[in-house]
Amino acid sequence: MDWDDLKIAFAVARHGSLSAAARQLGTTQPTVSRRLDGLERRIGVKLFERSAGGLSPTPLCAALVDGLQRMEEGALAVERRIAARDTGLQGAITVTSLDWFGDHVVGPITARFGALHPLVAIELLNEPRMFNLSRREADLAFRFAAFAQEDLIERKVAEVGYGLYATPGYLDRHGPPDFAAGCAGHAVVTMYDFASRSTQAVWLQGITPQARVIARTSGLGSQMAAAETGLAMAALPRLLGDARPVLRRIETPESCPVQSVRLGVHADLRDSPRIRAFIDFAVAELKARAPELNPP
């Protein structure tokens, strides 16, 4: 048996289903099923019990999981060391970010860096899921939340200020928000459930507790578009809201929230020339845009 087959068995044991294992491995469910069946035939024992609720490791498979975990950690450590080898300013860099920040801030940074260094291939993955840097799913990540893994190095690289926005037409129809009354008679768009604890969502709820929530979305781009219809107010990054000609920022009694942006990288990669160069470039670019990201 080879490590690729063992990786498949380990992924199924970790996630409990073929489809989830396939997503983690970047392949298809039929491929995972076929490879797992082939592994069980070659070793002559079953590794999983199949049921309607998914796949459960047999006692033998459960006993192997710890060893597979150590094998995977060793293989990932080797991959990180290879990725960090001194190859100069060439090679691949995978960067991840979230929502509007990836589109409007990280995207231009990666484009400018790639134009300056033609031997570096940059991939920007702007997706809602958190990529695992320890597992080499990405090299660098920009996040608003703190990084959980102990083997990562993170630094605060920017601050993002928010404000409350609406169209002039909305304010003409509904009048200025009465914050003392909780903005009764007004409407807002806000974050969907899994992001409802974000800084701006909590702040918006705090200053508009009596406003009607007419929509919840998972991204700030859709909230900005909803506000531009003139039907509701929205809490938006100043970088986006101030630049939209149809929106007006509303003065609020409480200070507008500010979120820190963190850049994370695995400790094994921080001294790689291309990684180090990108980090230095990104930090300088974000510093130059500080007045836009968090206006006074």
Foldseek 3Di string as FASTA:
>chain_A
DDLVLVLLLLLCQVPQALQSSCVVVVHHSVVSVVSPVVVCVVVVHDQWDDDPVGTHGDPVNVVCNVVNVVVLLVVLVVVLLVVQPAPAQAEEFEEEEEFPCCVPPVVVLVVVVCVVRVRYHYHYHHDDDDDDQSNVPGFKYKYLDDDDDPQKDKDFQAKFWKFKKAFPLLCVVQPAADQVVLRAPAEAEEADDVCCPPPQNVVNCNRRVRHHYPYHYHHVVVRVVVRLVRRHMYMDTQLPQVPDPRMDTHDGPDGTDMTTMMMMGGPSRCNRNNNVVSVVSSSVSNVVCRCSRHPD
